[in-house]
Amino acid sequence: MKITKVQGKLELKNSGGLSLFFIGTGGAFSKTNFQSNALFIKGKNHVLIDCGTLCPLAISQFGVQISDIKNFFLTHSHADHIGGMEEVAFTSYYSKKERPVVVIDDKYKKILWNESLRGGLGYSKTFDGKTAGFDDYFFQLNPQKEKVGKRRYLHAVIGGKGGIDLKIFETSHSNAMNSSGKVFHSCGVVVDDKILFTGDTKFNREQLENILSDFDIEWIFHDVCFYKNEVHASYSELKRLPADVKKKIYLCHCDEKLLDKKVKDDGFAGFAKRGVYYNF
């Protein structure tokens, strides 16, 4: 992997290899490093994984507007991961006259719209006399089940053959249930069968080992919390992973005040940084 700094404007295309650019690397309430929203780029294709409340502001610092992003994948419905999607919808619809693609299955599509986006988007526009729905603002790319190794993943490709490959898996982030008794939806993703992006998850060593068994993972971008809590993997838990796994892990989704911790001394690759391309 080669790491290079952005030169002026963020480019949404490259020569064809897979690159990762963090719009932000911070936790939910970070104001300096914004929120952990990650842009994957490959040839003429790109996909933004998560679009938090601060994402439209954060990406504008690199000379790009959020309406320039054409493809999205959302790991879960906390505001630091989906809070920018209302702006995406409105600016794309009114400024670009187009619908961005969202990789989302039918189950989460219904949850995301009814429990998060509908309040702002659904009652701001009518189509044929009816209040707006998800499909009026976004184009759904519905991932399909596919077996890899011993397990099944949801699979989608951005840009068709040779595009950005996504293998999606469920994670355990929050135990909270909605009024129907359903557990909070959250997921992570394997990109091009080699880059693991966890989204937000509790520590799950068994799941991590399973993914490493199913794929030839080169690098892992894992959320972390520096105290034990109920919704994120803690640093003390991650530190107990084998050395050959830790050396692949870049840590993200933490308060910038904690970035002085010597995580490389504990065997990690380091902290994920915004403003650079990770070229794989």
Foldseek 3Di string as FASTA:
>chain_A
DDKFFDDAADDQADPFFKKKFFLFFAAPPADPRQFGWMWIHGHNWIEIEFQALCSQVSNVVRVDGLCVHQHYEFFFPDRSGHVCVLVNQVCCCPVVVDAGEYEDAPVVQVVCCPPPPCVPQQPPDADPNHTDGPVVRHDYDYFDWDDFDHDIFTWDFTPPPSGKIKTKDWAAFDQDADPVRDGGTGIWIDIPLAETEGGKHADDVVVVVVSVVRGVYQAYEAEEECDDDDGHYYPVNVLPDDLVHQCRYAYGHHHPVPQVDPVVVSRHVHHDHHRMMDTD
